[in-house]
Amino acid sequence: MKVRIRLFAGLRERAGTDHVELDLPDQACVRDALAMVQDITRDVQVVMAVNREYANEDSELAAGDELALIPPVSGGAPLHARVTEEAIALDPLLELVRDPAAGAVVNFLGVTREVEVLEYEAYTEMAEREMAAILSEAIERHGLCAAAVEHRIGTVPLSEPSVVVVVSAPHRGEAFDGAREIIDRVKAQAPIWKKESGEWVEGTTPRI
């Protein structure tokens, strides 16, 4: 069966192409595909996604699947992902995404409503890595100039933001689409939990 491997940043430059096609046996898994491209991924710790959903090495592949190999975010890349106990300030994030090529900047603030406070807890290291990967994919998919996301943990009072997403793009359509994808995926995938009125809010099990 044929599987398409998507490559980004340094992996793309190393391979000289943004994708490769692999012929794999039936019932192959991500680990089998990684073994076939180890000359490209050598010394790089990658995050895997199958058909735009995060996967691990044991995830099975099917004919026609797209396996994305996402390298770590490098310093100076046009993205910023942070989990913080501090109040989130919008203006510094707007500065982070400022770009001469950007004709549109879109920001989203998710704020506490209807209750006096919300409490958030996160697996911080994993949440920041997941959010960075989400930003990287959104930048690539929507042609964004830059993107940033911050999520607050601890106690968040009424009307204060618990999460902020800011993106810049050449045109408003890409900016709106990119921002919407980022917040939707952060809410669904990042290991962050919310307590409201003393009860943990029931969510969905992240798909890997």
Protein backbone atom coordinates (compact mmCIF):
# COMPACT_ATOMS: atom_id res chain seq x y z
CA MET A 1 0.00 0.00 0.00
CA LYS A 2 1.10 3.58 -0.64
CA VAL A 3 1.42 6.14 2.16
CA ARG A 4 2.33 9.82 1.73
CA ILE A 5 4.89 11.27 4.16
CA ARG A 6 4.69 15.05 4.72
CA LEU A 7 7.89 16.86 5.71
CA PHE A 8 8.41 20.31 7.19
CA ALA A 9 11.20 22.81 7.86
CA GLY A 10 14.59 21.12 8.30
CA LEU A 11 13.24 17.70 7.36
CA ARG A 12 11.90 19.12 4.09
CA GLU A 13 15.26 20.74 3.30
CA ARG A 14 17.16 17.57 4.18
CA ALA A 15 14.98 15.48 1.86
CA GLY A 16 14.85 18.09 -0.89
CA THR A 17 11.07 17.71 -1.10
CA ASP A 18 8.01 18.36 1.05
CA HIS A 19 6.75 14.80 0.75
CA VAL A 20 7.76 11.27 -0.13
CA GLU A 21 5.66 8.29 -1.15
CA LEU A 22 6.28 4.95 0.57
CA ASP A 23 5.23 1.45 -0.40
CA LEU A 24 4.40 -0.37 2.82
CA PRO A 25 3.02 -3.84 3.51
CA ASP A 26 -0.60 -4.18 4.57
CA GLN A 27 -1.18 -3.58 8.32
CA ALA A 28 2.01 -1.55 8.58
CA CYS A 29 2.22 0.98 11.40
CA VAL A 30 3.89 4.35 11.89
CA ARG A 31 7.01 2.64 13.23
CA ASP A 32 7.47 0.83 9.90
CA ALA A 33 7.24 4.09 7.98
CA LEU A 34 9.74 5.79 10.32
CA ALA A 35 12.22 2.99 9.72
CA MET A 36 12.07 3.67 5.99
CA VAL A 37 12.81 7.39 6.34
CA GLN A 38 15.36 7.23 9.16
CA ASP A 39 17.98 8.81 6.90
CA ILE A 40 15.75 11.91 6.83
CA THR A 41 14.76 11.94 10.51
CA ARG A 42 18.16 11.00 11.95
CA ASP A 43 18.95 12.89 15.16
CA VAL A 44 15.56 14.66 15.05
CA GLN A 45 12.79 13.93 17.55
CA VAL A 46 9.58 14.19 15.54
CA VAL A 47 5.90 14.40 16.42
CA MET A 48 3.70 12.23 14.17
CA ALA A 49 0.24 12.94 12.80
CA VAL A 50 -1.82 10.60 10.62
CA ASN A 51 -4.42 12.37 8.50
CA ARG A 52 -4.00 15.51 10.66
CA GLU A 53 -4.52 13.70 13.95
CA TYR A 54 -1.69 12.98 16.38
CA ALA A 55 -0.37 9.45 16.34
CA ASN A 56 2.23 7.28 18.02
CA GLU A 57 4.59 4.69 16.58
CA ASP A 58 2.08 1.87 17.06
CA SER A 59 -0.69 3.61 15.13
CA GLU A 60 -1.77 1.56 12.13
CA LEU A 61 -1.63 2.94 8.61
CA ALA A 62 -3.94 2.35 5.67
CA ALA A 63 -3.53 2.86 1.96
CA GLY A 64 -3.73 6.54 1.06
CA ASP A 65 -2.95 7.81 4.56
CA GLU A 66 -0.89 10.96 5.05
CA LEU A 67 1.74 10.74 7.79
CA ALA A 68 3.12 14.13 8.81
CA LEU A 69 6.50 14.27 10.55
CA ILE A 70 6.73 17.45 12.59
CA PRO A 71 10.18 18.49 13.84
CA PRO A 72 10.73 20.43 17.07
CA VAL A 73 10.11 24.15 16.95
CA SER A 74 13.38 26.01 16.51
CA GLY A 75 14.35 29.32 18.03
CA GLY A 76 13.24 32.28 15.98
CA ALA A 77 10.40 30.41 14.32
CA PRO A 78 7.29 32.59 13.82
CA LEU A 79 5.31 30.93 16.56
CA HIS A 80 4.94 31.10 20.32
CA ALA A 81 3.21 28.61 22.62
CA ARG A 82 3.13 29.04 26.39
CA VAL A 83 1.27 27.86 29.47
CA THR A 84 1.44 30.43 32.25
CA GLU A 85 0.13 31.20 35.73
CA GLU A 86 0.29 34.92 34.95
CA ALA A 87 -2.46 37.09 33.50
CA ILE A 88 -2.24 37.00 29.70
CA ALA A 89 -1.45 40.31 27.99
CA LEU A 90 -2.63 40.73 24.40
CA ASP A 91 -0.28 43.49 23.23
CA PRO A 92 2.98 41.46 23.55
CA LEU A 93 1.41 38.67 21.50
CA LEU A 94 0.37 41.13 18.82
CA GLU A 95 3.99 42.27 18.65
CA LEU A 96 5.18 38.68 18.29
CA VAL A 97 3.09 38.10 15.15
CA ARG A 98 3.78 41.47 13.53
CA ASP A 99 5.12 40.90 10.00
CA PRO A 100 5.65 43.23 7.00
CA ALA A 101 3.87 40.68 4.77
CA ALA A 102 0.78 40.53 6.99
CA GLY A 103 -2.34 42.35 5.84
CA ALA A 104 -4.51 40.83 8.56
CA VAL A 105 -4.13 40.08 12.26
CA VAL A 106 -6.81 38.07 14.06
CA ASN A 107 -6.97 37.48 17.80
CA PHE A 108 -9.26 35.33 19.92
CA LEU A 109 -9.68 35.64 23.68
CA GLY A 110 -11.50 32.95 25.63
CA VAL A 111 -12.69 34.59 28.85
CA THR A 112 -14.29 33.42 32.08
CA ARG A 113 -18.07 34.01 32.03
CA GLU A 114 -21.05 33.46 34.34
CA VAL A 115 -18.95 32.28 37.29
CA GLU A 116 -16.64 34.26 39.55
CA VAL A 117 -13.58 32.12 38.79
CA LEU A 118 -12.43 29.15 36.78
CA GLU A 119 -9.50 26.94 37.71
CA TYR A 120 -7.19 25.37 35.16
CA GLU A 121 -4.57 22.66 35.47
CA ALA A 122 -2.20 21.47 32.76
CA TYR A 123 0.49 18.94 31.99
CA THR A 124 2.56 21.98 31.09
CA GLU A 125 5.47 20.46 29.22
CA MET A 126 3.24 18.31 27.02
CA ALA A 127 0.65 21.05 26.55
CA GLU A 128 3.26 23.50 25.27
CA ARG A 129 4.65 20.91 22.87
CA GLU A 130 1.17 20.05 21.59
CA MET A 131 0.29 23.72 21.12
CA ALA A 132 3.55 24.40 19.28
CA ALA A 133 2.85 21.51 16.92
CA ILE A 134 -0.68 22.83 16.33
CA LEU A 135 0.70 26.27 15.50
CA SER A 136 3.31 24.81 13.15
CA GLU A 137 0.69 22.86 11.22
CA ALA A 138 -1.69 25.82 11.04
CA ILE A 139 1.07 28.09 9.74
CA GLU A 140 1.89 25.58 7.02
CA ARG A 141 -1.71 24.78 6.08
CA HIS A 142 -3.07 28.34 5.98
CA GLY A 143 0.03 30.24 4.89
CA LEU A 144 0.17 32.28 8.09
CA CYS A 145 2.98 34.75 8.66
CA ALA A 146 3.12 33.97 12.39
CA ALA A 147 1.01 32.58 15.21
CA ALA A 148 0.95 32.62 19.00
CA VAL A 149 -1.09 30.98 21.74
CA GLU A 150 -1.00 31.30 25.51
CA HIS A 151 -3.13 29.38 28.02
CA ARG A 152 -3.44 30.36 31.63
CA ILE A 153 -3.50 27.90 34.52
CA GLY A 154 -4.48 28.39 38.12
CA THR A 155 -7.36 30.70 39.03
CA VAL A 156 -8.81 32.90 36.27
CA PRO A 157 -11.28 35.55 37.51
CA LEU A 158 -14.50 36.61 35.77
CA SER A 159 -13.98 38.36 32.40
CA GLU A 160 -10.23 37.66 32.30
CA PRO A 161 -8.82 35.57 29.41
CA SER A 162 -7.85 31.97 30.01
CA VAL A 163 -6.59 31.45 26.46
CA VAL A 164 -5.46 33.84 23.74
CA VAL A 165 -4.70 33.04 20.10
CA VAL A 166 -3.17 35.60 17.75
CA VAL A 167 -2.27 35.04 14.09
CA SER A 168 -1.11 37.16 11.18
CA ALA A 169 -1.51 36.40 7.49
CA PRO A 170 -1.40 38.18 4.13
CA HIS A 171 -5.22 38.11 3.91
CA ARG A 172 -8.13 38.00 6.36
CA GLY A 173 -9.52 34.67 5.15
CA GLU A 174 -6.35 32.77 6.02
CA ALA A 175 -6.05 34.64 9.32
CA PHE A 176 -9.60 33.78 10.43
CA ASP A 177 -9.29 30.15 9.30
CA GLY A 178 -5.93 29.71 10.99
CA ALA A 179 -7.06 31.23 14.29
CA ARG A 180 -10.22 29.09 14.33
CA GLU A 181 -8.25 25.90 13.68
CA ILE A 182 -5.74 26.70 16.41
CA ILE A 183 -8.27 27.37 19.17
CA ASP A 184 -10.42 24.38 18.21
CA ARG A 185 -7.44 22.02 18.25
CA VAL A 186 -5.96 23.45 21.45
CA LYS A 187 -9.30 22.89 23.21
CA ALA A 188 -9.51 19.34 21.88
CA GLN A 189 -5.91 18.16 22.13
CA ALA A 190 -3.83 20.04 24.70
CA PRO A 191 -3.75 18.30 28.13
CA ILE A 192 -5.43 21.16 30.02
CA TRP A 193 -8.32 20.69 32.46
CA LYS A 194 -10.94 23.14 33.75
CA LYS A 195 -12.71 23.18 37.13
CA GLU A 196 -15.94 25.16 37.36
CA SER A 197 -17.92 25.62 40.58
CA GLY A 198 -15.76 23.00 42.28
CA GLU A 199 -16.26 20.33 39.59
CA TRP A 200 -13.91 19.27 36.81
CA VAL A 201 -15.61 19.93 33.48
CA GLU A 202 -16.11 16.74 31.48
CA GLY A 203 -14.33 16.86 28.14
CA THR A 204 -13.27 14.45 25.43
CA THR A 205 -10.49 11.91 25.39
CA PRO A 206 -7.66 13.20 23.17
CA ARG A 207 -7.20 11.17 20.01
CA ILE A 208 -3.62 10.07 19.32
